[in-house]
N, C-alpha and C. Protein backbone atom coordinates (compact mmCIF):
# COMPACT_ATOMS: atom_id res chain seq x y z
N MET A 1 0.85 -1.17 0.00
CA MET A 1 0.00 0.00 0.00
C MET A 1 0.89 1.23 0.00
N SER A 2 0.66 2.13 -0.89
CA SER A 2 1.50 3.32 -1.01
C SER A 2 0.91 4.45 -0.17
N ALA A 3 1.76 5.41 0.14
CA ALA A 3 1.34 6.58 0.91
C ALA A 3 0.42 7.45 0.06
N LYS A 4 -0.48 8.15 0.73
CA LYS A 4 -1.39 9.03 0.03
C LYS A 4 -0.60 10.24 -0.47
N PRO A 5 -0.72 10.57 -1.75
CA PRO A 5 0.04 11.71 -2.27
C PRO A 5 -0.47 13.03 -1.69
N ILE A 6 0.43 13.98 -1.58
CA ILE A 6 0.07 15.30 -1.07
C ILE A 6 -0.71 16.03 -2.16
N GLN A 7 -1.82 16.61 -1.77
CA GLN A 7 -2.65 17.33 -2.73
C GLN A 7 -2.52 18.82 -2.47
N LEU A 8 -2.23 19.57 -3.50
CA LEU A 8 -2.11 21.02 -3.39
C LEU A 8 -3.39 21.66 -3.91
N TYR A 9 -3.88 22.64 -3.14
CA TYR A 9 -5.08 23.36 -3.54
C TYR A 9 -4.69 24.77 -3.99
N ARG A 10 -5.46 25.27 -4.93
CA ARG A 10 -5.22 26.63 -5.42
C ARG A 10 -6.53 27.39 -5.50
N GLY A 11 -6.42 28.68 -5.30
CA GLY A 11 -7.58 29.55 -5.46
C GLY A 11 -8.72 29.21 -4.53
N GLU A 12 -9.92 29.10 -5.15
CA GLU A 12 -11.13 28.83 -4.37
C GLU A 12 -11.06 27.48 -3.65
N GLN A 13 -10.39 26.48 -4.23
CA GLN A 13 -10.24 25.18 -3.58
C GLN A 13 -9.50 25.30 -2.25
N SER A 14 -8.47 26.13 -2.21
CA SER A 14 -7.69 26.28 -0.97
C SER A 14 -8.55 26.94 0.11
N THR A 15 -9.42 27.87 -0.27
CA THR A 15 -10.30 28.52 0.70
C THR A 15 -11.28 27.51 1.28
N ARG A 16 -11.89 26.68 0.41
CA ARG A 16 -12.81 25.64 0.89
C ARG A 16 -12.09 24.63 1.77
N ALA A 17 -10.89 24.24 1.40
CA ALA A 17 -10.13 23.27 2.20
C ALA A 17 -9.77 23.86 3.57
N ALA A 18 -9.38 25.12 3.61
CA ALA A 18 -9.04 25.77 4.87
C ALA A 18 -10.27 25.88 5.77
N GLU A 19 -11.43 26.17 5.20
CA GLU A 19 -12.67 26.26 5.97
C GLU A 19 -13.06 24.89 6.51
N ALA A 20 -12.91 23.84 5.70
CA ALA A 20 -13.22 22.48 6.15
C ALA A 20 -12.29 22.08 7.30
N TYR A 21 -11.03 22.44 7.21
CA TYR A 21 -10.06 22.15 8.26
C TYR A 21 -10.44 22.91 9.55
N ARG A 22 -10.81 24.16 9.44
CA ARG A 22 -11.20 24.97 10.59
C ARG A 22 -12.41 24.37 11.31
N ARG A 23 -13.42 23.93 10.52
CA ARG A 23 -14.60 23.31 11.11
C ARG A 23 -14.25 22.00 11.81
N ALA A 24 -13.37 21.21 11.21
CA ALA A 24 -12.96 19.93 11.83
C ALA A 24 -12.25 20.17 13.15
N VAL A 25 -11.39 21.18 13.21
CA VAL A 25 -10.69 21.51 14.45
C VAL A 25 -11.68 21.97 15.52
N LEU A 26 -12.65 22.81 15.15
CA LEU A 26 -13.63 23.29 16.10
C LEU A 26 -14.50 22.16 16.65
N GLU A 27 -14.87 21.20 15.79
CA GLU A 27 -15.69 20.07 16.22
C GLU A 27 -14.95 19.21 17.24
N ARG A 28 -13.64 19.10 17.10
CA ARG A 28 -12.84 18.25 17.98
C ARG A 28 -12.21 19.00 19.15
N ARG A 29 -12.47 20.28 19.25
CA ARG A 29 -11.81 21.11 20.26
C ARG A 29 -12.05 20.62 21.69
N GLU A 30 -13.25 20.13 21.97
CA GLU A 30 -13.57 19.69 23.32
C GLU A 30 -13.14 18.24 23.60
N ARG A 31 -12.68 17.54 22.61
CA ARG A 31 -12.24 16.16 22.83
C ARG A 31 -10.88 16.17 23.50
N TRP A 32 -10.61 15.14 24.29
CA TRP A 32 -9.38 15.08 25.06
C TRP A 32 -8.44 14.07 24.43
N PRO A 33 -7.33 14.50 23.85
CA PRO A 33 -6.47 13.58 23.11
C PRO A 33 -5.45 12.82 23.94
N TYR A 34 -5.33 13.08 25.25
CA TYR A 34 -4.25 12.50 26.03
C TYR A 34 -4.74 11.62 27.17
N VAL A 35 -5.72 10.75 26.93
CA VAL A 35 -6.33 9.98 28.01
C VAL A 35 -5.35 9.07 28.75
N HIS A 36 -4.25 8.69 28.13
CA HIS A 36 -3.29 7.82 28.82
C HIS A 36 -2.31 8.60 29.68
N THR A 37 -2.35 9.93 29.60
CA THR A 37 -1.44 10.76 30.38
C THR A 37 -2.19 11.62 31.39
N PHE A 38 -3.26 12.25 30.96
CA PHE A 38 -4.04 13.13 31.83
C PHE A 38 -5.50 12.73 31.78
N ALA A 39 -6.17 12.88 32.90
CA ALA A 39 -7.60 12.57 32.94
C ALA A 39 -8.38 13.63 32.17
N PRO A 40 -9.33 13.22 31.31
CA PRO A 40 -10.14 14.20 30.60
C PRO A 40 -11.13 14.88 31.55
N PRO A 41 -11.77 15.94 31.12
CA PRO A 41 -12.69 16.69 32.00
C PRO A 41 -13.85 15.86 32.54
N ASN A 42 -14.29 14.83 31.82
CA ASN A 42 -15.43 14.03 32.28
C ASN A 42 -15.01 12.80 33.09
N ALA A 43 -13.77 12.73 33.52
CA ALA A 43 -13.26 11.57 34.27
C ALA A 43 -13.71 11.60 35.73
N VAL A 44 -13.85 10.41 36.29
CA VAL A 44 -14.17 10.24 37.71
C VAL A 44 -13.00 9.49 38.34
N ASP A 45 -12.43 10.04 39.42
CA ASP A 45 -11.29 9.42 40.08
C ASP A 45 -11.66 8.06 40.67
N VAL A 46 -10.70 7.13 40.61
CA VAL A 46 -10.84 5.82 41.23
C VAL A 46 -9.63 5.64 42.14
N ASN A 47 -9.87 5.53 43.44
CA ASN A 47 -8.84 5.29 44.44
C ASN A 47 -9.33 4.15 45.32
N VAL A 48 -8.85 2.93 45.06
CA VAL A 48 -9.32 1.75 45.76
C VAL A 48 -8.15 1.17 46.53
N ILE A 49 -8.34 0.95 47.84
CA ILE A 49 -7.29 0.39 48.68
C ILE A 49 -7.85 -0.82 49.40
N GLY A 50 -7.05 -1.89 49.48
CA GLY A 50 -7.46 -3.09 50.18
C GLY A 50 -6.37 -3.56 51.13
N THR A 51 -6.79 -4.08 52.28
CA THR A 51 -5.85 -4.66 53.24
C THR A 51 -6.41 -5.99 53.70
N ILE A 52 -5.52 -6.91 54.01
CA ILE A 52 -5.92 -8.21 54.54
C ILE A 52 -4.72 -8.81 55.25
N ALA A 53 -5.00 -9.57 56.30
CA ALA A 53 -3.92 -10.22 57.05
C ALA A 53 -3.22 -11.24 56.17
N CYS A 54 -1.91 -11.39 56.38
CA CYS A 54 -1.12 -12.34 55.60
C CYS A 54 -1.52 -13.78 55.93
N GLN A 55 -1.58 -14.60 54.94
CA GLN A 55 -1.87 -16.01 55.13
C GLN A 55 -0.59 -16.73 55.58
N ALA A 56 -0.68 -18.00 55.87
CA ALA A 56 0.48 -18.79 56.28
C ALA A 56 1.52 -18.80 55.17
N GLN A 57 2.79 -18.89 55.58
CA GLN A 57 3.87 -18.92 54.59
C GLN A 57 3.73 -20.15 53.69
N GLY A 58 3.87 -19.93 52.40
CA GLY A 58 3.78 -21.02 51.43
C GLY A 58 2.36 -21.39 51.02
N ALA A 59 1.36 -20.77 51.63
CA ALA A 59 -0.03 -21.06 51.26
C ALA A 59 -0.33 -20.44 49.89
N ALA A 60 -1.46 -20.81 49.34
CA ALA A 60 -1.87 -20.29 48.03
C ALA A 60 -2.09 -18.78 48.10
N ALA A 61 -2.04 -18.14 46.96
CA ALA A 61 -2.25 -16.69 46.87
C ALA A 61 -3.65 -16.33 47.36
N ILE A 62 -3.75 -15.14 47.98
CA ILE A 62 -5.06 -14.65 48.42
C ILE A 62 -5.35 -13.33 47.71
N GLU A 63 -6.63 -13.03 47.62
CA GLU A 63 -7.07 -11.78 46.98
C GLU A 63 -7.02 -10.65 47.99
N VAL A 64 -6.21 -9.64 47.72
CA VAL A 64 -6.09 -8.49 48.60
C VAL A 64 -7.06 -7.40 48.17
N LEU A 65 -7.27 -7.26 46.87
CA LEU A 65 -8.08 -6.17 46.35
C LEU A 65 -8.88 -6.65 45.15
N PHE A 66 -10.15 -6.23 45.10
CA PHE A 66 -11.06 -6.56 44.01
C PHE A 66 -11.69 -5.26 43.55
N TYR A 67 -11.63 -5.00 42.24
CA TYR A 67 -12.27 -3.80 41.69
C TYR A 67 -12.91 -4.17 40.36
N GLN A 68 -14.20 -3.88 40.22
CA GLN A 68 -14.89 -4.11 38.96
C GLN A 68 -15.19 -2.76 38.31
N VAL A 69 -14.78 -2.64 37.04
CA VAL A 69 -15.01 -1.42 36.28
C VAL A 69 -16.52 -1.27 36.07
N ASN A 70 -17.02 -0.07 36.24
CA ASN A 70 -18.45 0.18 36.08
C ASN A 70 -18.90 -0.04 34.64
N SER A 71 -20.16 -0.43 34.50
CA SER A 71 -20.75 -0.62 33.18
C SER A 71 -20.76 0.71 32.43
N GLY A 72 -20.38 0.67 31.16
CA GLY A 72 -20.38 1.88 30.35
C GLY A 72 -19.19 2.79 30.58
N LYS A 73 -18.23 2.33 31.38
CA LYS A 73 -17.04 3.14 31.68
C LYS A 73 -15.78 2.37 31.28
N ARG A 74 -14.72 3.09 31.03
CA ARG A 74 -13.41 2.52 30.76
C ARG A 74 -12.49 3.00 31.88
N PHE A 75 -11.70 2.08 32.46
CA PHE A 75 -10.83 2.41 33.59
C PHE A 75 -9.39 2.54 33.12
N TYR A 76 -8.76 3.65 33.50
CA TYR A 76 -7.35 3.88 33.19
C TYR A 76 -6.57 3.82 34.51
N LEU A 77 -5.74 2.79 34.65
CA LEU A 77 -4.93 2.59 35.85
C LEU A 77 -3.64 3.39 35.71
N GLN A 78 -3.42 4.36 36.60
CA GLN A 78 -2.24 5.21 36.53
C GLN A 78 -1.17 4.86 37.55
N ALA A 79 -1.56 4.24 38.67
CA ALA A 79 -0.58 3.94 39.72
C ALA A 79 -1.07 2.76 40.55
N VAL A 80 -0.13 2.07 41.19
CA VAL A 80 -0.46 0.93 42.05
C VAL A 80 0.29 1.06 43.38
N LEU A 81 -0.23 0.38 44.38
CA LEU A 81 0.44 0.25 45.67
C LEU A 81 0.45 -1.23 45.99
N LEU A 82 1.62 -1.82 46.06
CA LEU A 82 1.79 -3.23 46.40
C LEU A 82 2.77 -3.28 47.56
N SER A 83 2.26 -3.47 48.78
CA SER A 83 3.13 -3.34 49.94
C SER A 83 2.57 -4.13 51.12
N ALA A 84 3.26 -3.99 52.26
CA ALA A 84 2.82 -4.59 53.51
C ALA A 84 3.02 -3.56 54.61
N ASN A 85 2.48 -3.83 55.80
CA ASN A 85 2.57 -2.87 56.90
C ASN A 85 3.91 -2.93 57.63
N VAL A 86 4.82 -3.77 57.19
CA VAL A 86 6.12 -3.93 57.84
C VAL A 86 7.23 -3.61 56.86
N THR A 87 8.45 -3.49 57.38
CA THR A 87 9.59 -3.30 56.49
C THR A 87 9.65 -4.49 55.55
N PHE A 88 9.73 -4.20 54.30
CA PHE A 88 9.57 -5.23 53.27
C PHE A 88 10.92 -5.54 52.64
N VAL A 89 11.37 -6.76 52.83
CA VAL A 89 12.60 -7.23 52.20
C VAL A 89 12.21 -7.88 50.87
N PRO A 90 12.93 -7.58 49.78
CA PRO A 90 12.57 -8.20 48.49
C PRO A 90 12.45 -9.72 48.61
N GLY A 91 11.34 -10.22 48.15
CA GLY A 91 11.07 -11.66 48.19
C GLY A 91 10.22 -12.10 49.36
N ASP A 92 9.88 -11.19 50.30
CA ASP A 92 9.03 -11.56 51.43
C ASP A 92 7.62 -11.93 51.00
N ALA A 93 7.17 -11.37 49.90
CA ALA A 93 5.85 -11.67 49.35
C ALA A 93 5.90 -11.46 47.85
N LEU A 94 4.96 -12.07 47.16
CA LEU A 94 4.85 -11.91 45.70
C LEU A 94 3.48 -11.34 45.39
N PHE A 95 3.44 -10.27 44.61
CA PHE A 95 2.19 -9.61 44.24
C PHE A 95 1.91 -9.79 42.76
N THR A 96 0.63 -10.01 42.43
CA THR A 96 0.21 -10.13 41.03
C THR A 96 -1.04 -9.30 40.82
N VAL A 97 -1.04 -8.52 39.73
CA VAL A 97 -2.23 -7.77 39.32
C VAL A 97 -2.73 -8.42 38.04
N ASP A 98 -4.02 -8.76 38.01
CA ASP A 98 -4.57 -9.37 36.80
C ASP A 98 -6.01 -8.93 36.59
N ARG A 99 -6.55 -9.34 35.46
CA ARG A 99 -7.94 -9.01 35.13
C ARG A 99 -8.71 -10.29 34.84
N ASN A 100 -9.94 -10.33 35.35
CA ASN A 100 -10.89 -11.43 35.09
C ASN A 100 -10.34 -12.80 35.49
N SER A 101 -9.63 -12.87 36.60
CA SER A 101 -9.04 -14.14 37.03
C SER A 101 -9.26 -14.36 38.52
N PRO A 102 -10.31 -15.12 38.90
CA PRO A 102 -10.54 -15.39 40.32
C PRO A 102 -9.38 -16.18 40.92
N VAL A 103 -9.23 -16.08 42.23
CA VAL A 103 -8.17 -16.82 42.92
C VAL A 103 -8.43 -18.31 42.78
N GLY A 104 -7.41 -19.05 42.38
CA GLY A 104 -7.50 -20.50 42.28
C GLY A 104 -8.21 -21.04 41.06
N VAL A 105 -8.70 -20.17 40.18
CA VAL A 105 -9.41 -20.62 38.99
C VAL A 105 -8.70 -20.05 37.77
N THR A 106 -8.38 -20.90 36.82
CA THR A 106 -7.81 -20.41 35.58
C THR A 106 -8.90 -20.45 34.51
N GLY A 107 -9.09 -19.34 33.85
CA GLY A 107 -10.13 -19.26 32.84
C GLY A 107 -9.57 -18.71 31.55
N ILE A 108 -10.34 -18.83 30.48
CA ILE A 108 -9.84 -18.38 29.19
C ILE A 108 -9.79 -16.86 29.09
N GLN A 109 -10.56 -16.15 29.94
CA GLN A 109 -10.53 -14.70 29.90
C GLN A 109 -9.49 -14.12 30.86
N ALA A 110 -8.84 -14.95 31.64
CA ALA A 110 -7.88 -14.48 32.63
C ALA A 110 -6.65 -13.91 31.94
N MET A 111 -6.22 -12.74 32.41
CA MET A 111 -5.04 -12.11 31.82
C MET A 111 -4.23 -11.43 32.92
N PRO A 112 -3.03 -11.93 33.22
CA PRO A 112 -2.18 -11.18 34.16
C PRO A 112 -1.69 -9.91 33.47
N GLU A 113 -1.50 -8.86 34.24
CA GLU A 113 -1.00 -7.61 33.69
C GLU A 113 0.50 -7.70 33.50
N HIS A 114 0.95 -7.43 32.30
CA HIS A 114 2.38 -7.49 31.98
C HIS A 114 3.16 -6.58 32.94
N GLY A 115 4.22 -7.12 33.54
CA GLY A 115 5.03 -6.36 34.48
C GLY A 115 4.55 -6.44 35.91
N PHE A 116 3.38 -7.06 36.13
CA PHE A 116 2.84 -7.19 37.49
C PHE A 116 2.53 -8.65 37.81
N ILE A 117 3.42 -9.54 37.44
CA ILE A 117 3.26 -10.96 37.71
C ILE A 117 4.33 -11.38 38.70
N ALA A 118 3.89 -11.84 39.88
CA ALA A 118 4.80 -12.30 40.94
C ALA A 118 5.88 -11.25 41.24
N VAL A 119 5.46 -10.02 41.49
CA VAL A 119 6.40 -8.93 41.79
C VAL A 119 6.97 -9.17 43.19
N PRO A 120 8.31 -9.31 43.32
CA PRO A 120 8.91 -9.65 44.62
C PRO A 120 9.29 -8.45 45.49
N VAL A 121 9.00 -7.24 45.06
CA VAL A 121 9.35 -6.05 45.83
C VAL A 121 8.11 -5.20 46.05
N ALA A 122 8.18 -4.33 47.07
CA ALA A 122 7.08 -3.41 47.31
C ALA A 122 7.12 -2.30 46.26
N LEU A 123 5.98 -1.99 45.70
CA LEU A 123 5.87 -0.87 44.76
C LEU A 123 5.00 0.19 45.41
N GLY A 124 5.60 1.35 45.70
CA GLY A 124 4.88 2.41 46.37
C GLY A 124 4.90 2.20 47.88
N SER A 125 4.44 3.22 48.59
CA SER A 125 4.35 3.12 50.04
C SER A 125 3.31 4.09 50.56
N ALA A 126 2.87 3.88 51.81
CA ALA A 126 1.91 4.78 52.42
C ALA A 126 2.55 6.14 52.68
N THR A 127 3.86 6.17 52.85
CA THR A 127 4.57 7.42 53.12
C THR A 127 4.82 8.23 51.86
N PHE A 128 5.34 7.57 50.81
CA PHE A 128 5.76 8.26 49.61
C PHE A 128 4.76 8.18 48.46
N GLY A 129 3.66 7.49 48.66
CA GLY A 129 2.63 7.42 47.63
C GLY A 129 2.75 6.20 46.74
N PRO A 130 1.80 6.04 45.82
CA PRO A 130 1.78 4.86 44.95
C PRO A 130 2.86 4.90 43.89
N TRP A 131 3.08 3.76 43.27
CA TRP A 131 4.04 3.59 42.18
C TRP A 131 3.36 4.03 40.89
N LYS A 132 3.86 5.09 40.28
CA LYS A 132 3.25 5.64 39.06
C LYS A 132 3.71 4.87 37.83
N LEU A 133 2.77 4.60 36.94
CA LEU A 133 3.07 3.88 35.71
C LEU A 133 3.49 4.88 34.63
N GLN A 134 4.34 4.46 33.72
CA GLN A 134 4.77 5.33 32.63
C GLN A 134 3.62 5.67 31.70
N ARG A 135 2.73 4.71 31.51
CA ARG A 135 1.55 4.90 30.67
C ARG A 135 0.40 4.19 31.34
N ALA A 136 -0.76 4.81 31.37
CA ALA A 136 -1.92 4.21 32.02
C ALA A 136 -2.31 2.90 31.34
N ARG A 137 -2.72 1.93 32.14
CA ARG A 137 -3.25 0.66 31.63
C ARG A 137 -4.75 0.83 31.47
N GLU A 138 -5.28 0.27 30.40
CA GLU A 138 -6.68 0.46 30.06
C GLU A 138 -7.47 -0.81 30.31
N PHE A 139 -8.64 -0.67 30.97
CA PHE A 139 -9.51 -1.80 31.27
C PHE A 139 -10.90 -1.53 30.71
N ALA A 140 -11.48 -2.52 30.07
CA ALA A 140 -12.80 -2.40 29.44
C ALA A 140 -13.91 -2.40 30.49
N PRO A 141 -15.12 -1.97 30.10
CA PRO A 141 -16.26 -2.01 31.02
C PRO A 141 -16.48 -3.41 31.57
N LEU A 142 -16.82 -3.47 32.85
CA LEU A 142 -17.12 -4.70 33.60
C LEU A 142 -15.91 -5.62 33.80
N SER A 143 -14.71 -5.19 33.43
CA SER A 143 -13.51 -5.98 33.74
C SER A 143 -13.33 -6.02 35.25
N ILE A 144 -12.80 -7.12 35.74
CA ILE A 144 -12.51 -7.25 37.16
C ILE A 144 -11.00 -7.23 37.34
N VAL A 145 -10.53 -6.27 38.12
CA VAL A 145 -9.10 -6.13 38.39
C VAL A 145 -8.85 -6.63 39.80
N ARG A 146 -7.91 -7.54 39.94
CA ARG A 146 -7.58 -8.10 41.25
C ARG A 146 -6.10 -7.92 41.55
N VAL A 147 -5.80 -7.74 42.83
CA VAL A 147 -4.42 -7.79 43.31
C VAL A 147 -4.36 -8.98 44.24
N LYS A 148 -3.43 -9.89 43.95
CA LYS A 148 -3.26 -11.12 44.73
C LYS A 148 -1.87 -11.11 45.35
N ALA A 149 -1.75 -11.76 46.50
CA ALA A 149 -0.46 -11.82 47.18
C ALA A 149 -0.19 -13.23 47.69
N THR A 150 1.06 -13.62 47.64
CA THR A 150 1.53 -14.90 48.18
C THR A 150 2.56 -14.60 49.25
N ASN A 151 2.37 -15.16 50.44
CA ASN A 151 3.29 -14.94 51.55
C ASN A 151 4.48 -15.89 51.45
N ILE A 152 5.67 -15.31 51.43
CA ILE A 152 6.90 -16.10 51.42
C ILE A 152 7.57 -16.05 52.78
N ASN A 153 7.67 -14.84 53.37
CA ASN A 153 8.42 -14.71 54.62
C ASN A 153 7.84 -13.65 55.56
N LEU A 154 6.54 -13.43 55.53
CA LEU A 154 5.91 -12.49 56.45
C LEU A 154 5.22 -13.26 57.57
N ASN A 155 4.95 -12.61 58.68
CA ASN A 155 4.30 -13.27 59.82
C ASN A 155 2.80 -13.37 59.58
N ALA A 156 2.30 -14.57 59.57
CA ALA A 156 0.87 -14.80 59.34
C ALA A 156 0.06 -14.24 60.50
N GLY A 157 -1.00 -13.53 60.17
CA GLY A 157 -1.91 -13.02 61.19
C GLY A 157 -1.53 -11.66 61.75
N THR A 158 -0.24 -11.38 61.95
CA THR A 158 0.16 -10.09 62.52
C THR A 158 0.55 -9.08 61.44
N ASP A 159 1.16 -9.54 60.37
CA ASP A 159 1.48 -8.67 59.25
C ASP A 159 0.30 -8.66 58.28
N TYR A 160 0.16 -7.59 57.53
CA TYR A 160 -0.92 -7.55 56.55
C TYR A 160 -0.48 -6.83 55.29
N TYR A 161 -1.14 -7.19 54.20
CA TYR A 161 -0.86 -6.58 52.90
C TYR A 161 -1.64 -5.27 52.78
N VAL A 162 -1.05 -4.31 52.08
CA VAL A 162 -1.71 -3.05 51.77
C VAL A 162 -1.54 -2.84 50.27
N CYS A 163 -2.64 -2.85 49.54
CA CYS A 163 -2.57 -2.72 48.08
C CYS A 163 -3.59 -1.68 47.61
N GLY A 164 -3.27 -1.03 46.49
CA GLY A 164 -4.18 -0.02 45.97
C GLY A 164 -4.09 0.11 44.46
N LEU A 165 -5.20 0.54 43.87
CA LEU A 165 -5.29 0.85 42.44
C LEU A 165 -5.76 2.30 42.33
N PHE A 166 -5.06 3.09 41.52
CA PHE A 166 -5.36 4.51 41.41
C PHE A 166 -5.42 4.91 39.94
N GLY A 167 -6.49 5.59 39.57
CA GLY A 167 -6.65 6.02 38.19
C GLY A 167 -7.97 6.75 38.04
N TYR A 168 -8.63 6.54 36.91
CA TYR A 168 -9.89 7.22 36.66
C TYR A 168 -10.71 6.44 35.64
N GLU A 169 -12.02 6.70 35.67
CA GLU A 169 -12.95 6.10 34.71
C GLU A 169 -13.51 7.21 33.82
N VAL A 170 -13.72 6.86 32.56
CA VAL A 170 -14.38 7.77 31.63
C VAL A 170 -15.49 7.01 30.91
N PRO A 171 -16.55 7.70 30.51
CA PRO A 171 -17.62 7.03 29.76
C PRO A 171 -17.09 6.48 28.43
N VAL A 172 -17.55 5.29 28.08
CA VAL A 172 -17.15 4.69 26.80
C VAL A 172 -17.76 5.48 25.66
N LEU A 173 -19.03 5.86 25.82
CA LEU A 173 -19.73 6.62 24.80
C LEU A 173 -20.31 7.85 25.48
N ASP A 174 -19.83 9.00 25.11
CA ASP A 174 -20.27 10.24 25.73
C ASP A 174 -21.18 10.96 24.74
N VAL A 175 -22.46 11.04 25.06
CA VAL A 175 -23.43 11.67 24.18
C VAL A 175 -23.61 13.12 24.61
N ILE A 176 -23.44 14.03 23.70
CA ILE A 176 -23.56 15.46 23.99
C ILE A 176 -24.85 15.97 23.35
N SER A 177 -25.65 16.62 24.12
CA SER A 177 -26.91 17.17 23.63
C SER A 177 -26.72 18.63 23.21
N ASP A 178 -27.40 19.05 22.16
CA ASP A 178 -27.29 20.43 21.67
C ASP A 178 -28.46 21.28 22.15
N ARG A 179 -29.07 20.95 23.27
CA ARG A 179 -30.23 21.71 23.78
C ARG A 179 -29.81 23.00 24.38
């Protein structure tokens, strides 16, 4: 497939083309082109935090946080918090963020989030804030986002996990009325 050739307009054609371009820019002026970097004006903040006591060492992963994207909305994940209430030595616990994957059940719709599979270090903290992502992760309407943790070397019952998802939701289809 070849590139579209550049078309030059002259005289009255150039005036019509410039007017068409001006109208196109005006129509799109209120649209937000940077949804993966900044929240658009119609966004609703999502700040979800979950805590749960650590399970026995070597036991199966447990669900620390569950978040379901609202119907008709798209969720943009901008930052995460994967930590514990104690000083965290790398490898003390493993954290996984995934979508549509219940604990202990593997399904065809299950998808671990790239870069968040069995993370052996704390990402973010209650003191310094969440771990910011370079680019927001996008989740479709009704997707279920879970944070799971596996205890390797934390004290069961006295230590607990602290996890969070931070971002915003925007309508999938935004209808604007001209009334």
